[in-house]
């Protein structure tokens, strides 16, 4: 789109151009994550993007559904940051649509990665929320929550270790591999923190139950 013209027509086009640029800059972080997957230069289908995001993004940011991926791809195409084409498959198999980042998309995601403010992480921690409400649970229930969290964290740590082994020899994935190492260390710390909290729970309230609020509705 061009913003050139005369008089009112030029003003209208300029306003539309400004609106388009503003909308592009206002893409949600999930759009930038999908565009980031395309920025490695591969032509990928929605299935490929789901597989790649499950391999890397799920450890620290987002584990999208197929519907979310396709929704983001439509948004990126509309912004001019991605293009797609149909690829013929073997006989009896439905053709598939594959996506590639555009030059404009590469410039945009590079600018976003370099210049956009880095949002602080938002902690939405189910086990911690349950611990906060521990006075409503029996002690054994709270311990079970923490034991399950330990097991989950260790499972995720092992998956990150396995994915590092697969990716470490791929030069193009050097930084995603470092992110997987971060994930490995993060989940190890979550596992160890859960163990420490189990120890703390055992020390609460002496040999009986952990302490309960003394007065209903009174916050510490």
N, C-alpha and C. Protein backbone atom coordinates (compact mmCIF):
# COMPACT_ATOMS: atom_id res chain seq x y z
N UNK A 1 0.84 -1.19 0.00
CA UNK A 1 0.00 0.00 0.00
C UNK A 1 0.88 1.24 0.00
N UNK A 2 0.46 2.26 -0.76
CA UNK A 2 1.20 3.52 -0.78
C UNK A 2 0.41 4.58 -0.03
N UNK A 3 1.12 5.51 0.58
CA UNK A 3 0.47 6.59 1.31
C UNK A 3 0.47 7.88 0.50
N UNK A 4 0.80 7.78 -0.80
CA UNK A 4 0.85 8.99 -1.62
C UNK A 4 -0.51 9.22 -2.26
N UNK A 5 -0.77 10.48 -2.60
CA UNK A 5 -2.03 10.83 -3.25
C UNK A 5 -2.27 12.31 -3.10
N UNK A 6 -3.50 12.73 -3.42
CA UNK A 6 -3.81 14.15 -3.35
C UNK A 6 -4.98 14.38 -2.40
N UNK A 7 -4.92 15.50 -1.68
CA UNK A 7 -6.04 15.97 -0.90
C UNK A 7 -6.57 14.96 0.09
N UNK A 8 -7.94 14.90 0.11
CA UNK A 8 -8.61 14.02 1.07
C UNK A 8 -8.26 12.57 0.84
N UNK A 9 -8.11 12.18 -0.44
CA UNK A 9 -7.76 10.78 -0.73
C UNK A 9 -6.40 10.44 -0.13
N UNK A 10 -5.46 11.37 -0.27
CA UNK A 10 -4.14 11.13 0.30
C UNK A 10 -4.22 11.03 1.82
N UNK A 11 -5.02 11.89 2.46
CA UNK A 11 -5.16 11.87 3.91
C UNK A 11 -5.76 10.55 4.36
N UNK A 12 -6.79 10.07 3.63
CA UNK A 12 -7.41 8.80 3.99
C UNK A 12 -6.45 7.65 3.88
N UNK A 13 -5.68 7.63 2.79
CA UNK A 13 -4.70 6.55 2.61
C UNK A 13 -3.63 6.60 3.68
N UNK A 14 -3.21 7.84 4.04
CA UNK A 14 -2.19 7.96 5.07
C UNK A 14 -2.70 7.42 6.40
N UNK A 15 -3.95 7.72 6.72
CA UNK A 15 -4.52 7.22 7.97
C UNK A 15 -4.60 5.71 7.96
N UNK A 16 -4.97 5.13 6.81
CA UNK A 16 -5.03 3.68 6.71
C UNK A 16 -3.64 3.07 6.86
N UNK A 17 -2.64 3.72 6.26
CA UNK A 17 -1.26 3.22 6.38
C UNK A 17 -0.80 3.25 7.83
N UNK A 18 -1.08 4.37 8.52
CA UNK A 18 -0.70 4.47 9.93
C UNK A 18 -1.40 3.39 10.74
N UNK A 19 -2.69 3.15 10.46
CA UNK A 19 -3.44 2.12 11.19
C UNK A 19 -2.85 0.75 10.93
N UNK A 20 -2.50 0.48 9.64
CA UNK A 20 -1.92 -0.83 9.30
C UNK A 20 -0.61 -1.03 10.04
N UNK A 21 0.26 -0.01 10.05
CA UNK A 21 1.55 -0.15 10.72
C UNK A 21 1.36 -0.34 12.22
N UNK A 22 0.40 0.39 12.81
CA UNK A 22 0.13 0.24 14.23
C UNK A 22 -0.34 -1.16 14.55
N UNK A 23 -1.24 -1.70 13.69
CA UNK A 23 -1.75 -3.06 13.92
C UNK A 23 -0.63 -4.08 13.83
N UNK A 24 0.31 -3.88 12.91
CA UNK A 24 1.42 -4.81 12.78
C UNK A 24 2.28 -4.79 14.04
N UNK A 25 2.57 -3.60 14.52
CA UNK A 25 3.41 -3.51 15.71
C UNK A 25 2.71 -4.06 16.94
N UNK A 26 1.37 -4.06 16.91
CA UNK A 26 0.60 -4.50 18.07
C UNK A 26 0.32 -6.00 18.07
N UNK A 27 1.01 -6.76 17.23
CA UNK A 27 0.81 -8.20 17.22
C UNK A 27 1.08 -8.78 18.61
N UNK A 28 0.29 -9.77 19.02
CA UNK A 28 0.54 -10.39 20.33
C UNK A 28 1.83 -11.19 20.30
N UNK A 29 2.35 -11.48 21.48
CA UNK A 29 3.61 -12.22 21.58
C UNK A 29 3.53 -13.59 20.93
N UNK A 30 2.32 -14.20 20.95
CA UNK A 30 2.19 -15.52 20.33
C UNK A 30 2.41 -15.45 18.83
N UNK A 31 2.02 -14.34 18.20
CA UNK A 31 2.30 -14.17 16.77
C UNK A 31 3.80 -14.09 16.51
N UNK A 32 4.50 -13.35 17.36
CA UNK A 32 5.94 -13.23 17.20
C UNK A 32 6.62 -14.57 17.44
N UNK A 33 6.06 -15.39 18.33
CA UNK A 33 6.64 -16.72 18.57
C UNK A 33 6.53 -17.59 17.32
N UNK A 34 5.36 -17.58 16.67
CA UNK A 34 5.18 -18.36 15.44
C UNK A 34 6.06 -17.81 14.34
N UNK A 35 6.12 -16.49 14.21
CA UNK A 35 6.99 -15.89 13.19
C UNK A 35 8.44 -16.23 13.48
N UNK A 36 8.78 -16.29 14.77
CA UNK A 36 10.14 -16.69 15.14
C UNK A 36 10.49 -18.09 14.68
N UNK A 37 9.52 -19.00 14.76
CA UNK A 37 9.77 -20.35 14.26
C UNK A 37 10.05 -20.33 12.76
N UNK A 38 9.33 -19.48 12.04
CA UNK A 38 9.56 -19.37 10.59
C UNK A 38 10.87 -18.65 10.26
N UNK A 39 11.38 -17.86 11.23
CA UNK A 39 12.58 -17.07 10.95
C UNK A 39 13.83 -17.92 10.76
N UNK A 40 13.76 -19.22 11.09
CA UNK A 40 14.92 -20.09 10.86
C UNK A 40 15.04 -20.48 9.39
N UNK A 41 14.09 -20.04 8.57
CA UNK A 41 14.23 -20.16 7.13
C UNK A 41 13.56 -21.35 6.50
N UNK A 42 12.98 -22.23 7.28
CA UNK A 42 12.32 -23.41 6.72
C UNK A 42 10.91 -23.06 6.25
N UNK A 43 10.46 -23.77 5.23
CA UNK A 43 9.08 -23.68 4.77
C UNK A 43 8.30 -24.77 5.53
N UNK A 44 7.36 -24.36 6.37
CA UNK A 44 6.75 -25.28 7.33
C UNK A 44 5.24 -25.32 7.20
N UNK A 45 4.69 -26.49 7.42
CA UNK A 45 3.24 -26.63 7.50
C UNK A 45 2.78 -26.34 8.92
N UNK A 46 1.47 -26.25 9.11
CA UNK A 46 0.95 -26.09 10.46
C UNK A 46 1.36 -27.24 11.36
N UNK A 47 1.38 -28.44 10.81
CA UNK A 47 1.80 -29.61 11.58
C UNK A 47 3.27 -29.47 12.00
N UNK A 48 4.11 -29.01 11.06
CA UNK A 48 5.53 -28.81 11.38
C UNK A 48 5.70 -27.80 12.50
N UNK A 49 4.94 -26.71 12.42
CA UNK A 49 5.04 -25.66 13.43
C UNK A 49 4.60 -26.18 14.80
N UNK A 50 3.57 -27.00 14.81
CA UNK A 50 3.13 -27.61 16.07
C UNK A 50 4.24 -28.48 16.65
N UNK A 51 4.87 -29.28 15.79
CA UNK A 51 5.94 -30.17 16.23
C UNK A 51 7.13 -29.37 16.75
N UNK A 52 7.52 -28.32 16.04
CA UNK A 52 8.65 -27.51 16.46
C UNK A 52 8.35 -26.77 17.76
N UNK A 53 7.13 -26.26 17.90
CA UNK A 53 6.80 -25.54 19.13
C UNK A 53 6.75 -26.49 20.32
N UNK A 54 6.27 -27.71 20.10
CA UNK A 54 6.27 -28.70 21.19
C UNK A 54 7.70 -29.09 21.56
N UNK A 55 8.59 -29.03 20.59
CA UNK A 55 9.98 -29.39 20.84
C UNK A 55 10.72 -28.31 21.63
N UNK A 56 10.36 -27.04 21.41
CA UNK A 56 11.14 -25.98 22.04
C UNK A 56 10.31 -25.00 22.86
N UNK A 57 9.30 -24.39 22.27
CA UNK A 57 8.56 -23.32 22.95
C UNK A 57 7.85 -23.80 24.21
N UNK A 58 7.40 -25.04 24.22
CA UNK A 58 6.58 -25.51 25.35
C UNK A 58 7.34 -25.51 26.66
N UNK A 59 8.66 -25.53 26.60
CA UNK A 59 9.43 -25.59 27.82
C UNK A 59 9.43 -24.27 28.58
N UNK A 60 9.15 -23.17 27.87
CA UNK A 60 9.29 -21.89 28.56
C UNK A 60 8.20 -20.88 28.22
N UNK A 61 7.39 -21.12 27.17
CA UNK A 61 6.45 -20.06 26.82
C UNK A 61 5.06 -20.56 26.47
N UNK A 62 4.95 -21.47 25.50
CA UNK A 62 3.64 -21.69 24.88
C UNK A 62 3.59 -23.07 24.26
N UNK A 63 2.54 -23.79 24.53
CA UNK A 63 2.30 -25.07 23.87
C UNK A 63 0.98 -24.95 23.13
N UNK A 64 1.00 -24.48 21.88
CA UNK A 64 -0.24 -24.11 21.19
C UNK A 64 -0.99 -25.31 20.65
N UNK A 65 -2.28 -25.13 20.47
CA UNK A 65 -3.09 -26.11 19.76
C UNK A 65 -2.96 -25.82 18.26
N UNK A 66 -3.41 -26.76 17.43
CA UNK A 66 -3.38 -26.53 15.98
C UNK A 66 -4.22 -25.32 15.61
N UNK A 67 -5.37 -25.16 16.27
CA UNK A 67 -6.25 -24.03 15.93
C UNK A 67 -5.56 -22.71 16.25
N UNK A 68 -4.81 -22.65 17.34
CA UNK A 68 -4.08 -21.43 17.67
C UNK A 68 -2.99 -21.14 16.64
N UNK A 69 -2.29 -22.18 16.21
CA UNK A 69 -1.23 -21.98 15.22
C UNK A 69 -1.81 -21.43 13.93
N UNK A 70 -2.89 -22.03 13.45
CA UNK A 70 -3.48 -21.56 12.19
C UNK A 70 -4.06 -20.16 12.33
N UNK A 71 -4.58 -19.84 13.50
CA UNK A 71 -5.08 -18.49 13.73
C UNK A 71 -3.95 -17.47 13.65
N UNK A 72 -2.80 -17.81 14.23
CA UNK A 72 -1.65 -16.91 14.18
C UNK A 72 -1.10 -16.80 12.76
N UNK A 73 -1.09 -17.90 12.03
CA UNK A 73 -0.60 -17.86 10.65
C UNK A 73 -1.48 -16.95 9.78
N UNK A 74 -2.79 -17.01 9.98
CA UNK A 74 -3.68 -16.11 9.23
C UNK A 74 -3.38 -14.66 9.57
N UNK A 75 -3.13 -14.40 10.84
CA UNK A 75 -2.82 -13.04 11.26
C UNK A 75 -1.51 -12.56 10.62
N UNK A 76 -0.52 -13.44 10.56
CA UNK A 76 0.78 -13.07 9.98
C UNK A 76 0.68 -12.86 8.48
N UNK A 77 -0.12 -13.68 7.81
CA UNK A 77 -0.33 -13.48 6.36
C UNK A 77 -1.01 -12.15 6.10
N UNK A 78 -2.01 -11.84 6.91
CA UNK A 78 -2.73 -10.57 6.74
C UNK A 78 -1.80 -9.38 6.93
N UNK A 79 -0.83 -9.52 7.85
CA UNK A 79 0.13 -8.44 8.09
C UNK A 79 1.22 -8.38 7.04
N UNK A 80 1.29 -9.39 6.16
CA UNK A 80 2.33 -9.43 5.15
C UNK A 80 3.64 -10.01 5.63
N UNK A 81 3.62 -10.64 6.79
CA UNK A 81 4.84 -11.17 7.37
C UNK A 81 5.10 -12.63 7.00
N UNK A 82 4.11 -13.30 6.47
CA UNK A 82 4.27 -14.69 6.04
C UNK A 82 3.48 -14.89 4.75
N UNK A 83 3.92 -15.85 3.95
CA UNK A 83 3.20 -16.22 2.73
C UNK A 83 3.01 -17.73 2.74
N UNK A 84 2.08 -18.20 1.95
CA UNK A 84 1.81 -19.64 1.93
C UNK A 84 1.54 -20.11 0.51
N UNK A 85 1.67 -21.41 0.32
CA UNK A 85 1.35 -22.04 -0.96
C UNK A 85 0.94 -23.48 -0.70
N UNK A 86 0.21 -24.04 -1.64
CA UNK A 86 -0.21 -25.42 -1.55
C UNK A 86 0.84 -26.31 -2.21
N UNK A 87 1.14 -27.42 -1.57
CA UNK A 87 2.13 -28.37 -2.08
C UNK A 87 1.43 -29.70 -2.33
N UNK A 88 1.58 -30.21 -3.55
CA UNK A 88 0.96 -31.49 -3.90
C UNK A 88 1.61 -32.63 -3.14
N UNK A 89 0.79 -33.57 -2.68
CA UNK A 89 1.28 -34.73 -1.95
C UNK A 89 1.13 -35.99 -2.80
N UNK A 90 1.55 -37.10 -2.27
CA UNK A 90 1.42 -38.36 -2.98
C UNK A 90 -0.05 -38.66 -3.26
N UNK A 91 -0.29 -39.53 -4.22
CA UNK A 91 -1.64 -39.91 -4.60
C UNK A 91 -2.41 -40.41 -3.37
N UNK A 92 -3.61 -39.90 -3.23
CA UNK A 92 -4.44 -40.32 -2.12
C UNK A 92 -4.25 -39.51 -0.86
N UNK A 93 -3.28 -38.58 -0.86
CA UNK A 93 -3.02 -37.73 0.30
C UNK A 93 -3.39 -36.30 -0.06
N UNK A 94 -4.09 -35.65 0.85
CA UNK A 94 -4.53 -34.29 0.59
C UNK A 94 -3.35 -33.34 0.50
N UNK A 95 -3.41 -32.41 -0.45
CA UNK A 95 -2.36 -31.39 -0.56
C UNK A 95 -2.25 -30.62 0.76
N UNK A 96 -1.06 -30.12 1.05
CA UNK A 96 -0.88 -29.38 2.30
C UNK A 96 -0.41 -27.96 2.00
N UNK A 97 -0.73 -27.08 2.91
CA UNK A 97 -0.31 -25.68 2.80
C UNK A 97 0.94 -25.49 3.64
N UNK A 98 1.95 -24.86 3.05
CA UNK A 98 3.18 -24.58 3.76
C UNK A 98 3.39 -23.07 3.81
N UNK A 99 4.09 -22.63 4.85
CA UNK A 99 4.27 -21.21 5.12
C UNK A 99 5.74 -20.86 5.14
N UNK A 100 6.02 -19.64 4.69
CA UNK A 100 7.39 -19.13 4.70
C UNK A 100 7.36 -17.68 5.16
N UNK A 101 8.38 -17.27 5.88
CA UNK A 101 8.49 -15.88 6.30
C UNK A 101 8.83 -15.01 5.11
N UNK A 102 8.28 -13.81 5.06
CA UNK A 102 8.61 -12.86 3.99
C UNK A 102 9.79 -12.00 4.44
N UNK A 103 10.35 -11.25 3.49
CA UNK A 103 11.43 -10.32 3.85
C UNK A 103 10.94 -9.30 4.87
N UNK A 104 9.70 -8.83 4.67
CA UNK A 104 9.12 -7.87 5.61
C UNK A 104 8.95 -8.51 6.99
N UNK A 105 8.54 -9.78 6.99
CA UNK A 105 8.38 -10.49 8.25
C UNK A 105 9.70 -10.69 8.97
N UNK A 106 10.75 -11.00 8.21
CA UNK A 106 12.07 -11.18 8.82
C UNK A 106 12.56 -9.87 9.43
N UNK A 107 12.35 -8.77 8.72
CA UNK A 107 12.76 -7.47 9.25
C UNK A 107 11.97 -7.13 10.50
N UNK A 108 10.67 -7.46 10.48
CA UNK A 108 9.81 -7.11 11.62
C UNK A 108 10.18 -7.92 12.86
N UNK A 109 10.39 -9.24 12.70
CA UNK A 109 10.70 -10.06 13.88
C UNK A 109 12.10 -9.74 14.40
N UNK A 110 13.00 -9.35 13.50
CA UNK A 110 14.34 -8.93 13.95
C UNK A 110 14.23 -7.64 14.78
N UNK A 111 13.43 -6.70 14.27
CA UNK A 111 13.24 -5.44 15.01
C UNK A 111 12.57 -5.71 16.35
N UNK A 112 11.56 -6.59 16.36
CA UNK A 112 10.86 -6.90 17.62
C UNK A 112 11.81 -7.53 18.63
N UNK A 113 12.62 -8.49 18.16
CA UNK A 113 13.54 -9.18 19.07
C UNK A 113 14.60 -8.22 19.63
N UNK A 114 14.99 -7.24 18.82
CA UNK A 114 16.07 -6.34 19.25
C UNK A 114 15.56 -5.16 20.06
N UNK A 115 14.35 -4.68 19.77
CA UNK A 115 13.93 -3.39 20.31
C UNK A 115 12.70 -3.42 21.20
N UNK A 116 11.85 -4.41 21.07
CA UNK A 116 10.63 -4.43 21.88
C UNK A 116 10.99 -4.66 23.35
N UNK A 117 10.30 -4.00 24.27
CA UNK A 117 10.57 -4.24 25.70
C UNK A 117 10.37 -5.72 26.04
N UNK A 118 11.22 -6.24 26.90
CA UNK A 118 11.12 -7.63 27.32
C UNK A 118 10.19 -7.70 28.53
N UNK A 119 9.06 -8.34 28.36
CA UNK A 119 8.11 -8.45 29.46
C UNK A 119 8.67 -9.34 30.56
N UNK A 120 8.52 -8.96 31.81
CA UNK A 120 8.94 -9.86 32.89
C UNK A 120 8.08 -11.10 32.90
N UNK A 121 8.60 -12.23 33.33
CA UNK A 121 7.79 -13.45 33.36
C UNK A 121 6.65 -13.31 34.35
N UNK A 122 5.50 -13.86 33.98
CA UNK A 122 4.33 -13.86 34.85
C UNK A 122 4.17 -15.27 35.40
N UNK A 123 4.30 -15.40 36.69
CA UNK A 123 4.26 -16.71 37.32
C UNK A 123 2.82 -17.11 37.63
N UNK A 124 2.35 -18.15 36.95
CA UNK A 124 1.03 -18.73 37.22
C UNK A 124 1.30 -20.18 37.64
N UNK A 125 1.52 -20.36 38.92
CA UNK A 125 2.08 -21.60 39.44
C UNK A 125 1.00 -22.34 40.22
N UNK A 126 0.40 -23.35 39.61
CA UNK A 126 -0.68 -24.09 40.25
C UNK A 126 -0.33 -24.68 41.60
N UNK A 127 0.80 -25.38 41.73
CA UNK A 127 1.17 -25.93 43.04
C UNK A 127 1.36 -24.86 44.10
N UNK A 128 1.93 -23.69 43.72
CA UNK A 128 2.09 -22.62 44.71
C UNK A 128 0.74 -22.07 45.15
N UNK A 129 -0.19 -21.95 44.22
CA UNK A 129 -1.54 -21.49 44.58
C UNK A 129 -2.19 -22.47 45.54
N UNK A 130 -2.02 -23.76 45.27
CA UNK A 130 -2.59 -24.77 46.15
C UNK A 130 -1.91 -24.74 47.52
N UNK A 131 -0.60 -24.49 47.55
CA UNK A 131 0.10 -24.37 48.82
C UNK A 131 -0.41 -23.18 49.62
N UNK A 132 -0.68 -22.09 48.91
CA UNK A 132 -1.22 -20.89 49.55
C UNK A 132 -2.55 -21.20 50.23
N UNK A 133 -3.30 -22.13 49.65
CA UNK A 133 -4.58 -22.55 50.21
C UNK A 133 -4.45 -23.83 51.02
N UNK A 134 -3.22 -24.10 51.47
CA UNK A 134 -2.99 -25.35 52.17
C UNK A 134 -3.81 -25.54 53.42
N UNK A 135 -4.28 -24.43 54.04
CA UNK A 135 -5.10 -24.58 55.24
C UNK A 135 -6.46 -25.21 54.95
N UNK A 136 -6.81 -25.30 53.66
CA UNK A 136 -8.08 -25.92 53.27
C UNK A 136 -7.91 -27.39 52.89
N UNK A 137 -6.69 -27.87 52.87
CA UNK A 137 -6.40 -29.25 52.49
C UNK A 137 -5.93 -30.03 53.71
N UNK A 138 -6.03 -31.32 53.60
CA UNK A 138 -5.39 -32.18 54.58
C UNK A 138 -3.89 -32.21 54.28
N UNK A 139 -3.06 -32.37 55.29
CA UNK A 139 -1.60 -32.37 55.05
C UNK A 139 -1.16 -33.36 53.98
N UNK A 140 -1.76 -34.54 53.97
CA UNK A 140 -1.35 -35.53 52.98
C UNK A 140 -1.73 -35.10 51.56
N UNK A 141 -2.85 -34.39 51.44
CA UNK A 141 -3.23 -33.88 50.12
C UNK A 141 -2.20 -32.87 49.61
N UNK A 142 -1.75 -31.99 50.51
CA UNK A 142 -0.76 -30.99 50.12
C UNK A 142 0.55 -31.66 49.75
N UNK A 143 0.93 -32.67 50.51
CA UNK A 143 2.15 -33.39 50.17
C UNK A 143 2.03 -34.07 48.80
N UNK A 144 0.86 -34.60 48.51
CA UNK A 144 0.66 -35.27 47.22
C UNK A 144 0.78 -34.28 46.06
N UNK A 145 0.26 -33.07 46.24
CA UNK A 145 0.39 -32.03 45.21
C UNK A 145 1.87 -31.76 44.93
N UNK A 146 2.66 -31.64 45.98
CA UNK A 146 4.08 -31.34 45.81
C UNK A 146 4.86 -32.51 45.22
N UNK A 147 4.49 -33.73 45.61
CA UNK A 147 5.14 -34.91 45.04
C UNK A 147 4.85 -34.99 43.55
N UNK A 148 3.60 -34.74 43.16
CA UNK A 148 3.26 -34.76 41.73
C UNK A 148 4.03 -33.68 40.98
N UNK A 149 4.19 -32.53 41.61
CA UNK A 149 4.95 -31.46 40.96
C UNK A 149 6.41 -31.85 40.81
N UNK A 150 6.97 -32.49 41.81
CA UNK A 150 8.34 -33.01 41.70
C UNK A 150 8.47 -33.93 40.49
N UNK A 151 7.53 -34.85 40.36
CA UNK A 151 7.58 -35.82 39.27
C UNK A 151 7.44 -35.13 37.92
N UNK A 152 6.53 -34.16 37.84
CA UNK A 152 6.35 -33.41 36.59
C UNK A 152 7.62 -32.66 36.22
N UNK A 153 8.22 -31.97 37.20
CA UNK A 153 9.42 -31.19 36.93
C UNK A 153 10.57 -32.08 36.47
N UNK A 154 10.72 -33.23 37.08
CA UNK A 154 11.78 -34.15 36.68
C UNK A 154 11.52 -34.70 35.28
N UNK A 155 10.27 -34.97 34.96
CA UNK A 155 9.93 -35.44 33.61
C UNK A 155 10.27 -34.39 32.57
N UNK A 156 9.92 -33.13 32.83
CA UNK A 156 10.23 -32.06 31.90
C UNK A 156 11.74 -31.85 31.79
N UNK A 157 12.46 -31.96 32.90
CA UNK A 157 13.92 -31.82 32.86
C UNK A 157 14.54 -32.88 31.95
N UNK A 158 14.08 -34.11 32.08
CA UNK A 158 14.63 -35.18 31.25
C UNK A 158 14.30 -34.98 29.78
N UNK A 159 13.10 -34.47 29.49
CA UNK A 159 12.76 -34.20 28.09
C UNK A 159 13.64 -33.11 27.51
N UNK A 160 13.91 -32.08 28.31
CA UNK A 160 14.79 -31.01 27.84
C UNK A 160 16.19 -31.54 27.57
N UNK A 161 16.68 -32.40 28.45
CA UNK A 161 18.01 -33.01 28.25
C UNK A 161 18.04 -33.81 26.95
N UNK A 162 16.99 -34.59 26.71
CA UNK A 162 16.92 -35.41 25.49
C UNK A 162 16.89 -34.54 24.25
N UNK A 163 16.14 -33.43 24.31
CA UNK A 163 16.04 -32.55 23.14
C UNK A 163 17.35 -31.81 22.90
N UNK A 164 18.09 -31.50 23.96
CA UNK A 164 19.42 -30.90 23.78
C UNK A 164 20.32 -31.85 23.00
N UNK A 165 20.27 -33.13 23.32
CA UNK A 165 21.11 -34.12 22.63
C UNK A 165 20.78 -34.17 21.15
N UNK A 166 19.50 -34.04 20.82
CA UNK A 166 19.09 -34.09 19.41
C UNK A 166 19.53 -32.84 18.67
N UNK A 167 19.50 -31.69 19.34
CA UNK A 167 19.70 -30.41 18.66
C UNK A 167 21.12 -29.88 18.71
N UNK A 168 21.95 -30.40 19.57
CA UNK A 168 23.23 -29.76 19.84
C UNK A 168 24.17 -29.70 18.65
N UNK A 169 24.02 -30.59 17.67
CA UNK A 169 24.90 -30.60 16.51
C UNK A 169 24.35 -29.80 15.34
N UNK A 170 23.19 -29.18 15.52
CA UNK A 170 22.57 -28.37 14.47
C UNK A 170 22.94 -26.92 14.70
N UNK A 171 23.82 -26.38 13.85
CA UNK A 171 24.35 -25.03 14.09
C UNK A 171 23.24 -23.98 14.12
N UNK A 172 22.22 -24.12 13.27
CA UNK A 172 21.17 -23.12 13.19
C UNK A 172 20.35 -23.03 14.47
N UNK A 173 20.40 -24.09 15.31
CA UNK A 173 19.61 -24.13 16.52
C UNK A 173 20.46 -23.91 17.77
N UNK A 174 21.57 -23.19 17.62
CA UNK A 174 22.46 -22.98 18.76
C UNK A 174 21.76 -22.28 19.91
N UNK A 175 21.03 -21.20 19.61
CA UNK A 175 20.37 -20.47 20.69
C UNK A 175 19.15 -21.20 21.24
N UNK A 176 18.30 -21.81 20.40
CA UNK A 176 17.25 -22.66 20.97
C UNK A 176 17.80 -23.78 21.85
N UNK A 177 18.98 -24.30 21.50
CA UNK A 177 19.59 -25.34 22.33
C UNK A 177 19.99 -24.77 23.69
N UNK A 178 20.51 -23.54 23.71
CA UNK A 178 20.81 -22.91 24.99
C UNK A 178 19.54 -22.70 25.80
N UNK A 179 18.44 -22.39 25.13
CA UNK A 179 17.16 -22.23 25.83
C UNK A 179 16.72 -23.54 26.44
N UNK A 180 16.95 -24.64 25.74
CA UNK A 180 16.63 -25.95 26.30
C UNK A 180 17.48 -26.25 27.53
N UNK A 181 18.74 -25.81 27.51
CA UNK A 181 19.58 -25.99 28.70
C UNK A 181 19.04 -25.16 29.86
N UNK A 182 18.56 -23.96 29.56
CA UNK A 182 17.92 -23.14 30.59
C UNK A 182 16.72 -23.90 31.16
N UNK A 183 15.91 -24.49 30.26
CA UNK A 183 14.74 -25.25 30.71
C UNK A 183 15.16 -26.42 31.60
N UNK A 184 16.21 -27.09 31.21
CA UNK A 184 16.71 -28.20 32.03
C UNK A 184 17.03 -27.74 33.44
N UNK A 185 17.73 -26.62 33.56
CA UNK A 185 18.12 -26.10 34.87
C UNK A 185 16.90 -25.57 35.64
N UNK A 186 15.98 -24.96 34.92
CA UNK A 186 14.77 -24.44 35.56
C UNK A 186 13.96 -25.56 36.20
N UNK A 187 13.72 -26.62 35.44
CA UNK A 187 12.90 -27.71 35.98
C UNK A 187 13.64 -28.48 37.07
N UNK A 188 14.95 -28.52 37.00
CA UNK A 188 15.71 -29.12 38.10
C UNK A 188 15.50 -28.31 39.38
N UNK A 189 15.49 -26.98 39.25
CA UNK A 189 15.27 -26.14 40.42
C UNK A 189 13.85 -26.28 40.95
N UNK A 190 12.87 -26.42 40.05
CA UNK A 190 11.49 -26.63 40.48
C UNK A 190 11.35 -27.95 41.24
N UNK A 191 12.01 -28.98 40.74
CA UNK A 191 12.01 -30.27 41.43
C UNK A 191 12.60 -30.14 42.83
N UNK A 192 13.72 -29.43 42.93
CA UNK A 192 14.40 -29.30 44.21
C UNK A 192 13.62 -28.39 45.17
N UNK A 193 12.98 -27.36 44.62
CA UNK A 193 12.16 -26.48 45.46
C UNK A 193 10.98 -27.25 46.06
N UNK A 194 10.36 -28.11 45.26
CA UNK A 194 9.25 -28.92 45.78
C UNK A 194 9.73 -29.82 46.92
N UNK A 195 10.91 -30.36 46.79
CA UNK A 195 11.47 -31.20 47.87
C UNK A 195 11.67 -30.38 49.13
N UNK A 196 12.16 -29.15 48.98
CA UNK A 196 12.36 -28.28 50.14
C UNK A 196 11.01 -27.93 50.78
N UNK A 197 9.99 -27.69 49.97
CA UNK A 197 8.69 -27.36 50.53
C UNK A 197 8.10 -28.54 51.28
N UNK A 198 8.35 -29.74 50.82
CA UNK A 198 7.91 -30.92 51.56
C UNK A 198 8.57 -30.97 52.93
N UNK A 199 9.84 -30.63 52.98
CA UNK A 199 10.53 -30.58 54.26
C UNK A 199 9.92 -29.51 55.16
N UNK A 200 9.60 -28.36 54.59
CA UNK A 200 9.01 -27.27 55.37
C UNK A 200 7.64 -27.66 55.92
N UNK A 201 6.85 -28.36 55.10
CA UNK A 201 5.53 -28.79 55.56
C UNK A 201 5.66 -29.74 56.74
N UNK A 202 6.63 -30.61 56.67
CA UNK A 202 6.82 -31.58 57.76
C UNK A 202 7.19 -30.89 59.07
N UNK A 203 7.74 -29.66 58.97
CA UNK A 203 8.13 -28.94 60.17
C UNK A 203 7.01 -28.07 60.73
N UNK A 204 5.91 -27.92 59.98
CA UNK A 204 4.80 -27.07 60.42
C UNK A 204 3.99 -27.75 61.51
N UNK A 205 3.65 -27.02 62.53
CA UNK A 205 2.67 -27.48 63.50
C UNK A 205 3.09 -28.66 64.34
N UNK A 206 4.38 -28.93 64.42
CA UNK A 206 4.80 -30.05 65.26
C UNK A 206 4.35 -31.37 64.68
N UNK A 207 4.07 -32.35 65.53
CA UNK A 207 3.72 -33.69 65.05
C UNK A 207 2.34 -33.79 64.44
N UNK A 208 1.48 -32.80 64.67
CA UNK A 208 0.12 -32.87 64.14
C UNK A 208 0.00 -32.17 62.80
N UNK A 209 -1.19 -31.66 62.52
CA UNK A 209 -1.43 -30.97 61.25
C UNK A 209 -0.72 -29.63 61.24
N UNK A 210 -0.45 -29.11 60.04
CA UNK A 210 0.04 -27.73 59.95
C UNK A 210 -1.00 -26.78 60.54
N UNK A 211 -0.52 -25.63 61.00
CA UNK A 211 -1.42 -24.68 61.63
C UNK A 211 -2.52 -24.22 60.71
N UNK A 212 -3.68 -23.92 61.30
CA UNK A 212 -4.83 -23.40 60.58
C UNK A 212 -5.03 -21.94 60.96
N UNK A 213 -5.70 -21.15 60.13
CA UNK A 213 -5.97 -19.76 60.53
C UNK A 213 -6.72 -19.71 61.84
N UNK A 214 -6.29 -18.81 62.74
CA UNK A 214 -6.92 -18.73 64.04
C UNK A 214 -8.31 -18.13 64.01
N UNK A 215 -8.52 -17.18 63.07
CA UNK A 215 -9.82 -16.53 62.98
C UNK A 215 -10.29 -16.57 61.53
N UNK A 216 -11.53 -17.02 61.30
CA UNK A 216 -12.03 -17.06 59.92
C UNK A 216 -11.98 -15.67 59.29
N UNK A 217 -11.48 -15.63 58.05
CA UNK A 217 -11.47 -14.39 57.30
C UNK A 217 -10.31 -13.46 57.65
N UNK A 218 -9.47 -13.83 58.59
CA UNK A 218 -8.35 -12.95 58.97
C UNK A 218 -7.11 -13.34 58.20
N UNK A 219 -6.56 -12.38 57.49
CA UNK A 219 -5.34 -12.62 56.71
C UNK A 219 -4.12 -12.36 57.56
N UNK A 220 -3.04 -13.08 57.30
CA UNK A 220 -1.80 -12.83 58.05
C UNK A 220 -1.26 -11.45 57.75
